[in-house]
Amino acid sequence: MIPYPINEIADRHSICRLKEERAAVDMSREMNIYEEELKQYNGSIWNYVKRLYQINGEIWDLEAAIRQGLDDELGLEEIGRRAIEIRNKNKIRISIKNEIVDAFGEGFRDIKVNHGSE
């Protein structure tokens, strides 16, 4: 099994935290594993984790009504607007993950080719 690089651990940690807080899903097992890995970086990783938590939360908020099947209430124009905003926020998410790769020299940069979030 290939271990996850730190940029993926930081991203997954932030998503688990959001699931716990917003969907009342018990993610304690995963959170404990990710936190043990993050502790190895002597606190220098937490600013990135905080930024990923913020951007993933914004993406979560934009996707919430769509995930709940409220398409008719939102209308196609609003769904399209949200899709573009989600794509733009995902660009930020990818750039944060790439910053982690650059800062720690671990993992692989996420490079999108012919993709809306490149």
PDB file of N, CA and C in Angstrom:
ATOM      1  N   MET A   1       0.839  -1.182   0.000  1.00  0.00           N
ATOM      2  CA  MET A   1       0.000   0.000   0.000  1.00  0.00           C
ATOM      3  C   MET A   1       0.885   1.246   0.000  1.00  0.00           C
ATOM      4  N   ILE A   2       0.569   2.190  -0.861  1.00  0.00           N
ATOM      5  CA  ILE A   2       1.312   3.438  -0.924  1.00  0.00           C
ATOM      6  C   ILE A   2       0.705   4.410   0.086  1.00  0.00           C
ATOM      7  N   PRO A   3       1.503   4.964   1.006  1.00  0.00           N
ATOM      8  CA  PRO A   3       0.957   5.922   1.969  1.00  0.00           C
ATOM      9  C   PRO A   3       0.557   7.217   1.267  1.00  0.00           C
ATOM     10  N   TYR A   4      -0.402   7.888   1.843  1.00  0.00           N
ATOM     11  CA  TYR A   4      -0.834   9.167   1.290  1.00  0.00           C
ATOM     12  C   TYR A   4       0.224  10.231   1.541  1.00  0.00           C
ATOM     13  N   PRO A   5       0.483  11.094   0.562  1.00  0.00           N
ATOM     14  CA  PRO A   5       1.382  12.221   0.801  1.00  0.00           C
ATOM     15  C   PRO A   5       0.679  13.265   1.679  1.00  0.00           C
ATOM     16  N   ILE A   6       1.461  14.140   2.251  1.00  0.00           N
ATOM     17  CA  ILE A   6       0.944  15.098   3.225  1.00  0.00           C
ATOM     18  C   ILE A   6      -0.132  16.012   2.641  1.00  0.00           C
ATOM     19  N   ASN A   7      -0.047  16.370   1.364  1.00  0.00           N
ATOM     20  CA  ASN A   7      -1.087  17.242   0.801  1.00  0.00           C
ATOM     21  C   ASN A   7      -2.441  16.541   0.780  1.00  0.00           C
ATOM     22  N   GLU A   8      -2.452  15.230   0.536  1.00  0.00           N
ATOM     23  CA  GLU A   8      -3.703  14.473   0.526  1.00  0.00           C
ATOM     24  C   GLU A   8      -4.217  14.260   1.954  1.00  0.00           C
ATOM     25  N   ILE A   9      -3.315  14.027   2.876  1.00  0.00           N
ATOM     26  CA  ILE A   9      -3.719  13.860   4.273  1.00  0.00           C
ATOM     27  C   ILE A   9      -4.352  15.147   4.792  1.00  0.00           C
ATOM     28  N   ALA A  10      -3.734  16.281   4.500  1.00  0.00           N
ATOM     29  CA  ALA A  10      -4.278  17.571   4.948  1.00  0.00           C
ATOM     30  C   ALA A  10      -5.665  17.810   4.354  1.00  0.00           C
ATOM     31  N   ASP A  11      -5.831  17.500   3.072  1.00  0.00           N
ATOM     32  CA  ASP A  11      -7.120  17.689   2.409  1.00  0.00           C
ATOM     33  C   ASP A  11      -8.169  16.759   3.002  1.00  0.00           C
ATOM     34  N   ARG A  12      -7.824  15.498   3.171  1.00  0.00           N
ATOM     35  CA  ARG A  12      -8.771  14.528   3.716  1.00  0.00           C
ATOM     36  C   ARG A  12      -9.144  14.869   5.161  1.00  0.00           C
ATOM     37  N   HIS A  13      -8.177  15.357   5.925  1.00  0.00           N
ATOM     38  CA  HIS A  13      -8.455  15.770   7.301  1.00  0.00           C
ATOM     39  C   HIS A  13      -9.512  16.867   7.315  1.00  0.00           C
ATOM     40  N   SER A  14      -9.352  17.857   6.449  1.00  0.00           N
ATOM     41  CA  SER A  14     -10.308  18.970   6.430  1.00  0.00           C
ATOM     42  C   SER A  14     -11.699  18.498   6.019  1.00  0.00           C
ATOM     43  N   ILE A  15     -11.778  17.563   5.091  1.00  0.00           N
ATOM     44  CA  ILE A  15     -13.072  17.040   4.645  1.00  0.00           C
ATOM     45  C   ILE A  15     -13.723  16.202   5.753  1.00  0.00           C
ATOM     46  N   CYS A  16     -12.932  15.402   6.450  1.00  0.00           N
ATOM     47  CA  CYS A  16     -13.472  14.627   7.575  1.00  0.00           C
ATOM     48  C   CYS A  16     -14.036  15.544   8.649  1.00  0.00           C
ATOM     49  N   ARG A  17     -13.318  16.606   8.929  1.00  0.00           N
ATOM     50  CA  ARG A  17     -13.782  17.564   9.945  1.00  0.00           C
ATOM     51  C   ARG A  17     -15.117  18.181   9.523  1.00  0.00           C
ATOM     52  N   LEU A  18     -15.242  18.526   8.254  1.00  0.00           N
ATOM     53  CA  LEU A  18     -16.501  19.078   7.752  1.00  0.00           C
ATOM     54  C   LEU A  18     -17.638  18.063   7.865  1.00  0.00           C
ATOM     55  N   LYS A  19     -17.362  16.811   7.562  1.00  0.00           N
ATOM     56  CA  LYS A  19     -18.385  15.767   7.668  1.00  0.00           C
ATOM     57  C   LYS A  19     -18.852  15.623   9.110  1.00  0.00           C
ATOM     58  N   GLU A  20     -17.903  15.672  10.046  1.00  0.00           N
ATOM     59  CA  GLU A  20     -18.278  15.583  11.462  1.00  0.00           C
ATOM     60  C   GLU A  20     -19.156  16.755  11.869  1.00  0.00           C
ATOM     61  N   GLU A  21     -18.748  17.954  11.490  1.00  0.00           N
ATOM     62  CA  GLU A  21     -19.441  19.163  11.929  1.00  0.00           C
ATOM     63  C   GLU A  21     -20.770  19.383  11.218  1.00  0.00           C
ATOM     64  N   ARG A  22     -20.815  19.090   9.941  1.00  0.00           N
ATOM     65  CA  ARG A  22     -21.993  19.476   9.157  1.00  0.00           C
ATOM     66  C   ARG A  22     -22.953  18.330   8.862  1.00  0.00           C
ATOM     67  N   ALA A  23     -22.455  17.112   8.901  1.00  0.00           N
ATOM     68  CA  ALA A  23     -23.320  15.978   8.576  1.00  0.00           C
ATOM     69  C   ALA A  23     -23.452  15.018   9.755  1.00  0.00           C
ATOM     70  N   ALA A  24     -22.852  15.369  10.883  1.00  0.00           N
ATOM     71  CA  ALA A  24     -22.911  14.551  12.092  1.00  0.00           C
ATOM     72  C   ALA A  24     -22.504  13.100  11.820  1.00  0.00           C
ATOM     73  N   VAL A  25     -21.450  12.945  11.020  1.00  0.00           N
ATOM     74  CA  VAL A  25     -20.906  11.623  10.713  1.00  0.00           C
ATOM     75  C   VAL A  25     -19.686  11.406  11.608  1.00  0.00           C
ATOM     76  N   ASP A  26     -19.611  10.242  12.230  1.00  0.00           N
ATOM     77  CA  ASP A  26     -18.473   9.946  13.097  1.00  0.00           C
ATOM     78  C   ASP A  26     -17.250   9.636  12.235  1.00  0.00           C
ATOM     79  N   MET A  27     -16.324  10.554  12.189  1.00  0.00           N
ATOM     80  CA  MET A  27     -15.094  10.407  11.415  1.00  0.00           C
ATOM     81  C   MET A  27     -13.891  10.298  12.354  1.00  0.00           C
ATOM     82  N   SER A  28     -14.133   9.964  13.620  1.00  0.00           N
ATOM     83  CA  SER A  28     -13.066   9.994  14.622  1.00  0.00           C
ATOM     84  C   SER A  28     -11.919   9.048  14.284  1.00  0.00           C
ATOM     85  N   ARG A  29     -12.215   7.887  13.744  1.00  0.00           N
ATOM     86  CA  ARG A  29     -11.141   6.948  13.408  1.00  0.00           C
ATOM     87  C   ARG A  29     -10.210   7.556  12.368  1.00  0.00           C
ATOM     88  N   GLU A  30     -10.796   8.065  11.284  1.00  0.00           N
ATOM     89  CA  GLU A  30      -9.994   8.682  10.227  1.00  0.00           C
ATOM     90  C   GLU A  30      -9.270   9.920  10.729  1.00  0.00           C
ATOM     91  N   MET A  31      -9.987  10.744  11.500  1.00  0.00           N
ATOM     92  CA  MET A  31      -9.381  11.970  12.030  1.00  0.00           C
ATOM     93  C   MET A  31      -8.155  11.649  12.886  1.00  0.00           C
ATOM     94  N   ASN A  32      -8.248  10.639  13.722  1.00  0.00           N
ATOM     95  CA  ASN A  32      -7.114  10.270  14.575  1.00  0.00           C
ATOM     96  C   ASN A  32      -5.916   9.838  13.738  1.00  0.00           C
ATOM     97  N   ILE A  33      -6.164   9.073  12.703  1.00  0.00           N
ATOM     98  CA  ILE A  33      -5.077   8.622  11.824  1.00  0.00           C
ATOM     99  C   ILE A  33      -4.432   9.822  11.130  1.00  0.00           C
ATOM    100  N   TYR A  34      -5.266  10.698  10.567  1.00  0.00           N
ATOM    101  CA  TYR A  34      -4.733  11.872   9.860  1.00  0.00           C
ATOM    102  C   TYR A  34      -3.991  12.801  10.815  1.00  0.00           C
ATOM    103  N   GLU A  35      -4.543  12.997  12.021  1.00  0.00           N
ATOM    104  CA  GLU A  35      -3.885  13.889  12.974  1.00  0.00           C
ATOM    105  C   GLU A  35      -2.526  13.350  13.416  1.00  0.00           C
ATOM    106  N   GLU A  36      -2.410  12.048  13.575  1.00  0.00           N
ATOM    107  CA  GLU A  36      -1.115  11.458  13.919  1.00  0.00           C
ATOM    108  C   GLU A  36      -0.097  11.740  12.819  1.00  0.00           C
ATOM    109  N   GLU A  37      -0.518  11.628  11.583  1.00  0.00           N
ATOM    110  CA  GLU A  37       0.379  11.924  10.460  1.00  0.00           C
ATOM    111  C   GLU A  37       0.744  13.408  10.438  1.00  0.00           C
ATOM    112  N   LEU A  38      -0.240  14.266  10.648  1.00  0.00           N
ATOM    113  CA  LEU A  38      -0.004  15.712  10.596  1.00  0.00           C
ATOM    114  C   LEU A  38       0.930  16.175  11.713  1.00  0.00           C
ATOM    115  N   LYS A  39       0.885  15.520  12.867  1.00  0.00           N
ATOM    116  CA  LYS A  39       1.743  15.887  14.000  1.00  0.00           C
ATOM    117  C   LYS A  39       3.224  15.768  13.658  1.00  0.00           C
ATOM    118  N   GLN A  40       3.549  14.941  12.702  1.00  0.00           N
ATOM    119  CA  GLN A  40       4.954  14.739  12.315  1.00  0.00           C
ATOM    120  C   GLN A  40       5.550  15.992  11.668  1.00  0.00           C
ATOM    121  N   TYR A  41       4.716  16.945  11.319  1.00  0.00           N
ATOM    122  CA  TYR A  41       5.186  18.143  10.615  1.00  0.00           C
ATOM    123  C   TYR A  41       5.345  19.346  11.541  1.00  0.00           C
ATOM    124  N   ASN A  42       5.391  19.083  12.856  1.00  0.00           N
ATOM    125  CA  ASN A  42       5.745  20.094  13.864  1.00  0.00           C
ATOM    126  C   ASN A  42       4.963  21.397  13.764  1.00  0.00           C
ATOM    127  N   GLY A  43       3.701  21.306  13.466  1.00  0.00           N
ATOM    128  CA  GLY A  43       2.853  22.493  13.456  1.00  0.00           C
ATOM    129  C   GLY A  43       2.901  23.306  12.190  1.00  0.00           C
ATOM    130  N   SER A  44       3.917  23.121  11.367  1.00  0.00           N
ATOM    131  CA  SER A  44       4.037  23.945  10.165  1.00  0.00           C
ATOM    132  C   SER A  44       2.985  23.614   9.107  1.00  0.00           C
ATOM    133  N   ILE A  45       2.309  22.502   9.243  1.00  0.00           N
ATOM    134  CA  ILE A  45       1.300  22.098   8.268  1.00  0.00           C
ATOM    135  C   ILE A  45      -0.070  22.711   8.564  1.00  0.00           C
ATOM    136  N   TRP A  46      -0.292  23.145   9.805  1.00  0.00           N
ATOM    137  CA  TRP A  46      -1.649  23.509  10.223  1.00  0.00           C
ATOM    138  C   TRP A  46      -2.216  24.723   9.509  1.00  0.00           C
ATOM    139  N   ASN A  47      -1.379  25.655   9.074  1.00  0.00           N
ATOM    140  CA  ASN A  47      -1.892  26.783   8.303  1.00  0.00           C
ATOM    141  C   ASN A  47      -2.512  26.296   6.998  1.00  0.00           C
ATOM    142  N   TYR A  48      -1.871  25.334   6.372  1.00  0.00           N
ATOM    143  CA  TYR A  48      -2.406  24.761   5.128  1.00  0.00           C
ATOM    144  C   TYR A  48      -3.710  24.009   5.399  1.00  0.00           C
ATOM    145  N   VAL A  49      -3.737  23.249   6.491  1.00  0.00           N
ATOM    146  CA  VAL A  49      -4.945  22.507   6.850  1.00  0.00           C
ATOM    147  C   VAL A  49      -6.104  23.476   7.071  1.00  0.00           C
ATOM    148  N   LYS A  50      -5.817  24.564   7.759  1.00  0.00           N
ATOM    149  CA  LYS A  50      -6.844  25.581   8.025  1.00  0.00           C
ATOM    150  C   LYS A  50      -7.375  26.170   6.721  1.00  0.00           C
ATOM    151  N   ARG A  51      -6.488  26.467   5.787  1.00  0.00           N
ATOM    152  CA  ARG A  51      -6.904  27.016   4.490  1.00  0.00           C
ATOM    153  C   ARG A  51      -7.706  26.000   3.683  1.00  0.00           C
ATOM    154  N   LEU A  52      -7.305  24.729   3.726  1.00  0.00           N
ATOM    155  CA  LEU A  52      -8.064  23.690   3.025  1.00  0.00           C
ATOM    156  C   LEU A  52      -9.445  23.514   3.652  1.00  0.00           C
ATOM    157  N   TYR A  53      -9.511  23.570   4.971  1.00  0.00           N
ATOM    158  CA  TYR A  53     -10.798  23.482   5.662  1.00  0.00           C
ATOM    159  C   TYR A  53     -11.725  24.610   5.199  1.00  0.00           C
ATOM    160  N   GLN A  54     -11.180  25.803   5.099  1.00  0.00           N
ATOM    161  CA  GLN A  54     -11.975  26.961   4.682  1.00  0.00           C
ATOM    162  C   GLN A  54     -12.497  26.782   3.258  1.00  0.00           C
ATOM    163  N   ILE A  55     -11.630  26.448   2.315  1.00  0.00           N
ATOM    164  CA  ILE A  55     -12.055  26.345   0.914  1.00  0.00           C
ATOM    165  C   ILE A  55     -12.962  25.133   0.709  1.00  0.00           C
ATOM    166  N   ASN A  56     -12.666  24.023   1.381  1.00  0.00           N
ATOM    167  CA  ASN A  56     -13.551  22.862   1.270  1.00  0.00           C
ATOM    168  C   ASN A  56     -14.922  23.157   1.865  1.00  0.00           C
ATOM    169  N   GLY A  57     -14.969  23.976   2.917  1.00  0.00           N
ATOM    170  CA  GLY A  57     -16.249  24.403   3.487  1.00  0.00           C
ATOM    171  C   GLY A  57     -17.045  25.259   2.515  1.00  0.00           C
ATOM    172  N   GLU A  58     -16.363  26.139   1.812  1.00  0.00           N
ATOM    173  CA  GLU A  58     -17.039  26.972   0.816  1.00  0.00           C
ATOM    174  C   GLU A  58     -17.587  26.110  -0.328  1.00  0.00           C
ATOM    175  N   ILE A  59     -16.808  25.126  -0.746  1.00  0.00           N
ATOM    176  CA  ILE A  59     -17.273  24.209  -1.795  1.00  0.00           C
ATOM    177  C   ILE A  59     -18.477  23.417  -1.274  1.00  0.00           C
ATOM    178  N   TRP A  60     -18.381  22.950  -0.052  1.00  0.00           N
ATOM    179  CA  TRP A  60     -19.482  22.201   0.575  1.00  0.00           C
ATOM    180  C   TRP A  60     -20.763  23.034   0.544  1.00  0.00           C
ATOM    181  N   ASP A  61     -20.658  24.295   0.951  1.00  0.00           N
ATOM    182  CA  ASP A  61     -21.830  25.174   0.978  1.00  0.00           C
ATOM    183  C   ASP A  61     -22.455  25.321  -0.407  1.00  0.00           C
ATOM    184  N   LEU A  62     -21.626  25.477  -1.418  1.00  0.00           N
ATOM    185  CA  LEU A  62     -22.143  25.632  -2.781  1.00  0.00           C
ATOM    186  C   LEU A  62     -22.804  24.353  -3.288  1.00  0.00           C
ATOM    187  N   GLU A  63     -22.276  23.216  -2.886  1.00  0.00           N
ATOM    188  CA  GLU A  63     -22.815  21.937  -3.360  1.00  0.00           C
ATOM    189  C   GLU A  63     -24.014  21.453  -2.553  1.00  0.00           C
ATOM    190  N   ALA A  64     -24.233  22.007  -1.372  1.00  0.00           N
ATOM    191  CA  ALA A  64     -25.243  21.478  -0.446  1.00  0.00           C
ATOM    192  C   ALA A  64     -26.627  21.352  -1.073  1.00  0.00           C
ATOM    193  N   ALA A  65     -27.149  22.403  -1.634  1.00  0.00           N
ATOM    194  CA  ALA A  65     -28.503  22.354  -2.201  1.00  0.00           C
ATOM    195  C   ALA A  65     -28.566  21.417  -3.398  1.00  0.00           C
ATOM    196  N   ILE A  66     -27.506  21.361  -4.162  1.00  0.00           N
ATOM    197  CA  ILE A  66     -27.476  20.467  -5.316  1.00  0.00           C
ATOM    198  C   ILE A  66     -27.484  19.018  -4.828  1.00  0.00           C
ATOM    199  N   ARG A  67     -26.667  18.722  -3.806  1.00  0.00           N
ATOM    200  CA  ARG A  67     -26.617  17.362  -3.252  1.00  0.00           C
ATOM    201  C   ARG A  67     -27.960  16.933  -2.673  1.00  0.00           C
ATOM    202  N   GLN A  68     -28.718  17.908  -2.169  1.00  0.00           N
ATOM    203  CA  GLN A  68     -30.005  17.599  -1.552  1.00  0.00           C
ATOM    204  C   GLN A  68     -31.119  17.456  -2.592  1.00  0.00           C
ATOM    205  N   GLY A  69     -30.771  17.572  -3.867  1.00  0.00           N
ATOM    206  CA  GLY A  69     -31.753  17.384  -4.931  1.00  0.00           C
ATOM    207  C   GLY A  69     -32.719  18.545  -5.086  1.00  0.00           C
ATOM    208  N   LEU A  70     -32.281  19.733  -4.768  1.00  0.00           N
ATOM    209  CA  LEU A  70     -33.152  20.909  -4.870  1.00  0.00           C
ATOM    210  C   LEU A  70     -33.010  21.596  -6.227  1.00  0.00           C
ATOM    211  N   ASP A  71     -32.779  20.812  -7.270  1.00  0.00           N
ATOM    212  CA  ASP A  71     -32.556  21.363  -8.611  1.00  0.00           C
ATOM    213  C   ASP A  71     -33.700  22.269  -9.068  1.00  0.00           C
ATOM    214  N   ASP A  72     -34.927  21.824  -8.857  1.00  0.00           N
ATOM    215  CA  ASP A  72     -36.080  22.601  -9.312  1.00  0.00           C
ATOM    216  C   ASP A  72     -36.170  23.942  -8.585  1.00  0.00           C
ATOM    217  N   GLU A  73     -35.870  23.939  -7.300  1.00  0.00           N
ATOM    218  CA  GLU A  73     -35.915  25.179  -6.523  1.00  0.00           C
ATOM    219  C   GLU A  73     -34.799  26.139  -6.928  1.00  0.00           C
ATOM    220  N   LEU A  74     -33.635  25.590  -7.234  1.00  0.00           N
ATOM    221  CA  LEU A  74     -32.497  26.437  -7.596  1.00  0.00           C
ATOM    222  C   LEU A  74     -32.621  26.984  -9.008  1.00  0.00           C
ATOM    223  N   GLY A  75     -33.075  26.168  -9.904  1.00  0.00           N
ATOM    224  CA  GLY A  75     -33.120  26.560 -11.309  1.00  0.00           C
ATOM    225  C   GLY A  75     -31.784  26.325 -11.980  1.00  0.00           C
ATOM    226  N   LEU A  76     -31.834  26.144 -13.292  1.00  0.00           N
ATOM    227  CA  LEU A  76     -30.623  25.816 -14.045  1.00  0.00           C
ATOM    228  C   LEU A  76     -29.590  26.940 -14.013  1.00  0.00           C
ATOM    229  N   GLU A  77     -30.036  28.178 -14.034  1.00  0.00           N
ATOM    230  CA  GLU A  77     -29.092  29.294 -14.003  1.00  0.00           C
ATOM    231  C   GLU A  77     -28.278  29.299 -12.710  1.00  0.00           C
ATOM    232  N   GLU A  78     -28.949  29.084 -11.578  1.00  0.00           N
ATOM    233  CA  GLU A  78     -28.250  29.062 -10.286  1.00  0.00           C
ATOM    234  C   GLU A  78     -27.333  27.847 -10.187  1.00  0.00           C
ATOM    235  N   ILE A  79     -27.765  26.704 -10.693  1.00  0.00           N
ATOM    236  CA  ILE A  79     -26.920  25.511 -10.684  1.00  0.00           C
ATOM    237  C   ILE A  79     -25.672  25.761 -11.520  1.00  0.00           C
ATOM    238  N   GLY A  80     -25.827  26.384 -12.677  1.00  0.00           N
ATOM    239  CA  GLY A  80     -24.684  26.712 -13.523  1.00  0.00           C
ATOM    240  C   GLY A  80     -23.745  27.692 -12.844  1.00  0.00           C
ATOM    241  N   ARG A  81     -24.302  28.709 -12.194  1.00  0.00           N
ATOM    242  CA  ARG A  81     -23.483  29.679 -11.465  1.00  0.00           C
ATOM    243  C   ARG A  81     -22.684  28.993 -10.378  1.00  0.00           C
ATOM    244  N   ARG A  82     -23.359  28.098  -9.647  1.00  0.00           N
ATOM    245  CA  ARG A  82     -22.678  27.370  -8.577  1.00  0.00           C
ATOM    246  C   ARG A  82     -21.585  26.463  -9.138  1.00  0.00           C
ATOM    247  N   ALA A  83     -21.857  25.811 -10.259  1.00  0.00           N
ATOM    248  CA  ALA A  83     -20.854  24.922 -10.869  1.00  0.00           C
ATOM    249  C   ALA A  83     -19.592  25.698 -11.224  1.00  0.00           C
ATOM    250  N   ILE A  84     -19.759  26.894 -11.768  1.00  0.00           N
ATOM    251  CA  ILE A  84     -18.598  27.724 -12.105  1.00  0.00           C
ATOM    252  C   ILE A  84     -17.870  28.158 -10.846  1.00  0.00           C
ATOM    253  N   GLU A  85     -18.618  28.529  -9.826  1.00  0.00           N
ATOM    254  CA  GLU A  85     -17.992  28.957  -8.575  1.00  0.00           C
ATOM    255  C   GLU A  85     -17.264  27.782  -7.902  1.00  0.00           C
ATOM    256  N   ILE A  86     -17.865  26.593  -7.957  1.00  0.00           N
ATOM    257  CA  ILE A  86     -17.214  25.399  -7.409  1.00  0.00           C
ATOM    258  C   ILE A  86     -15.910  25.142  -8.155  1.00  0.00           C
ATOM    259  N   ARG A  87     -15.943  25.250  -9.481  1.00  0.00           N
ATOM    260  CA  ARG A  87     -14.733  25.043 -10.283  1.00  0.00           C
ATOM    261  C   ARG A  87     -13.651  26.039  -9.867  1.00  0.00           C
ATOM    262  N   ASN A  88     -14.036  27.302  -9.692  1.00  0.00           N
ATOM    263  CA  ASN A  88     -13.068  28.335  -9.309  1.00  0.00           C
ATOM    264  C   ASN A  88     -12.495  28.094  -7.916  1.00  0.00           C
ATOM    265  N   LYS A  89     -13.328  27.655  -7.002  1.00  0.00           N
ATOM    266  CA  LYS A  89     -12.850  27.364  -5.645  1.00  0.00           C
ATOM    267  C   LYS A  89     -11.976  26.116  -5.646  1.00  0.00           C
ATOM    268  N   ASN A  90     -12.289  25.170  -6.538  1.00  0.00           N
ATOM    269  CA  ASN A  90     -11.443  23.981  -6.634  1.00  0.00           C
ATOM    270  C   ASN A  90     -10.050  24.350  -7.138  1.00  0.00           C
ATOM    271  N   LYS A  91      -9.945  25.382  -7.968  1.00  0.00           N
ATOM    272  CA  LYS A  91      -8.628  25.869  -8.396  1.00  0.00           C
ATOM    273  C   LYS A  91      -7.809  26.302  -7.178  1.00  0.00           C
ATOM    274  N   ILE A  92      -8.471  26.993  -6.258  1.00  0.00           N
ATOM    275  CA  ILE A  92      -7.803  27.447  -5.036  1.00  0.00           C
ATOM    276  C   ILE A  92      -7.385  26.242  -4.206  1.00  0.00           C
ATOM    277  N   ARG A  93      -8.282  25.273  -4.074  1.00  0.00           N
ATOM    278  CA  ARG A  93      -7.979  24.048  -3.318  1.00  0.00           C
ATOM    279  C   ARG A  93      -6.759  23.340  -3.891  1.00  0.00           C
ATOM    280  N   ILE A  94      -6.718  23.203  -5.199  1.00  0.00           N
ATOM    281  CA  ILE A  94      -5.589  22.545  -5.858  1.00  0.00           C
ATOM    282  C   ILE A  94      -4.304  23.337  -5.632  1.00  0.00           C
ATOM    283  N   SER A  95      -4.397  24.662  -5.696  1.00  0.00           N
ATOM    284  CA  SER A  95      -3.192  25.467  -5.499  1.00  0.00           C
ATOM    285  C   SER A  95      -2.657  25.325  -4.071  1.00  0.00           C
ATOM    286  N   ILE A  96      -3.548  25.214  -3.083  1.00  0.00           N
ATOM    287  CA  ILE A  96      -3.103  25.005  -1.700  1.00  0.00           C
ATOM    288  C   ILE A  96      -2.410  23.653  -1.571  1.00  0.00           C
ATOM    289  N   LYS A  97      -3.008  22.624  -2.156  1.00  0.00           N
ATOM    290  CA  LYS A  97      -2.388  21.291  -2.113  1.00  0.00           C
ATOM    291  C   LYS A  97      -1.029  21.309  -2.796  1.00  0.00           C
ATOM    292  N   ASN A  98      -0.901  22.053  -3.891  1.00  0.00           N
ATOM    293  CA  ASN A  98       0.392  22.162  -4.570  1.00  0.00           C
ATOM    294  C   ASN A  98       1.399  22.948  -3.737  1.00  0.00           C
ATOM    295  N   GLU A  99       0.941  23.941  -3.006  1.00  0.00           N
ATOM    296  CA  GLU A  99       1.829  24.682  -2.094  1.00  0.00           C
ATOM    297  C   GLU A  99       2.415  23.725  -1.053  1.00  0.00           C
ATOM    298  N   ILE A 100       1.588  22.794  -0.572  1.00  0.00           N
ATOM    299  CA  ILE A 100       2.059  21.823   0.418  1.00  0.00           C
ATOM    300  C   ILE A 100       3.150  20.948  -0.189  1.00  0.00           C
ATOM    301  N   VAL A 101       2.934  20.500  -1.420  1.00  0.00           N
ATOM    302  CA  VAL A 101       3.946  19.681  -2.104  1.00  0.00           C
ATOM    303  C   VAL A 101       5.248  20.464  -2.205  1.00  0.00           C
ATOM    304  N   ASP A 102       5.158  21.730  -2.602  1.00  0.00           N
ATOM    305  CA  ASP A 102       6.354  22.566  -2.744  1.00  0.00           C
ATOM    306  C   ASP A 102       7.040  22.813  -1.392  1.00  0.00           C
ATOM    307  N   ALA A 103       6.241  23.058  -0.358  1.00  0.00           N
ATOM    308  CA  ALA A 103       6.797  23.383   0.957  1.00  0.00           C
ATOM    309  C   ALA A 103       7.479  22.190   1.621  1.00  0.00           C
ATOM    310  N   PHE A 104       6.919  21.000   1.422  1.00  0.00           N
ATOM    311  CA  PHE A 104       7.431  19.834   2.136  1.00  0.00           C
ATOM    312  C   PHE A 104       8.187  18.855   1.247  1.00  0.00           C
ATOM    313  N   GLY A 105       8.174  19.102  -0.067  1.00  0.00           N
ATOM    314  CA  GLY A 105       8.895  18.229  -0.986  1.00  0.00           C
ATOM    315  C   GLY A 105       8.398  16.797  -0.970  1.00  0.00           C
ATOM    316  N   GLU A 106       7.115  16.657  -0.757  1.00  0.00           N
ATOM    317  CA  GLU A 106       6.511  15.331  -0.636  1.00  0.00           C
ATOM    318  C   GLU A 106       5.246  15.274  -1.476  1.00  0.00           C
ATOM    319  N   GLY A 107       5.039  14.179  -2.164  1.00  0.00           N
ATOM    320  CA  GLY A 107       3.831  14.016  -2.966  1.00  0.00           C
ATOM    321  C   GLY A 107       4.033  14.527  -4.378  1.00  0.00           C
ATOM    322  N   PHE A 108       2.937  14.717  -5.057  1.00  0.00           N
ATOM    323  CA  PHE A 108       2.965  15.138  -6.451  1.00  0.00           C
ATOM    324  C   PHE A 108       2.059  16.341  -6.638  1.00  0.00           C
ATOM    325  N   ARG A 109       2.519  17.271  -7.467  1.00  0.00           N
ATOM    326  CA  ARG A 109       1.692  18.422  -7.807  1.00  0.00           C
ATOM    327  C   ARG A 109       0.502  17.949  -8.627  1.00  0.00           C
ATOM    328  N   ASP A 110      -0.631  18.558  -8.405  1.00  0.00           N
ATOM    329  CA  ASP A 110      -1.839  18.257  -9.147  1.00  0.00           C
ATOM    330  C   ASP A 110      -1.869  19.221 -10.347  1.00  0.00           C
ATOM    331  N   ILE A 111      -1.697  18.691 -11.530  1.00  0.00           N
ATOM    332  CA  ILE A 111      -1.663  19.512 -12.728  1.00  0.00           C
ATOM    333  C   ILE A 111      -2.822  19.086 -13.623  1.00  0.00           C
ATOM    334  N   LYS A 112      -3.752  19.989 -13.845  1.00  0.00           N
ATOM    335  CA  LYS A 112      -4.914  19.704 -14.675  1.00  0.00           C
ATOM    336  C   LYS A 112      -4.583  20.068 -16.122  1.00  0.00           C
ATOM    337  N   VAL A 113      -4.987  19.207 -17.038  1.00  0.00           N
ATOM    338  CA  VAL A 113      -4.782  19.441 -18.456  1.00  0.00           C
ATOM    339  C   VAL A 113      -6.139  19.374 -19.150  1.00  0.00           C
ATOM    340  N   ASN A 114      -6.450  20.418 -19.906  1.00  0.00           N
ATOM    341  CA  ASN A 114      -7.745  20.492 -20.585  1.00  0.00           C
ATOM    342  C   ASN A 114      -8.900  20.277 -19.598  1.00  0.00           C
ATOM    343  N   HIS A 115      -8.802  20.934 -18.479  1.00  0.00           N
ATOM    344  CA  HIS A 115      -9.790  20.786 -17.402  1.00  0.00           C
ATOM    345  C   HIS A 115     -10.147  22.177 -16.912  1.00  0.00           C
ATOM    346  N   GLY A 116     -11.407  22.369 -16.565  1.00  0.00           N
ATOM    347  CA  GLY A 116     -11.885  23.669 -16.138  1.00  0.00           C
ATOM    348  C   GLY A 116     -11.200  24.224 -14.914  1.00  0.00           C
ATOM    349  N   SER A 117     -10.633  23.356 -14.089  1.00  0.00           N
ATOM    350  CA  SER A 117      -9.996  23.863 -12.874  1.00  0.00           C
ATOM    351  C   SER A 117      -8.487  23.951 -12.994  1.00  0.00           C
ATOM    352  N   GLU A 118      -7.963  23.961 -14.250  1.00  0.00           N
ATOM    353  CA  GLU A 118      -6.510  24.107 -14.399  1.00  0.00           C
ATOM    354  C   GLU A 118      -6.099  25.542 -14.222  1.00  0.00           C
TER     355      GLU A 118
END
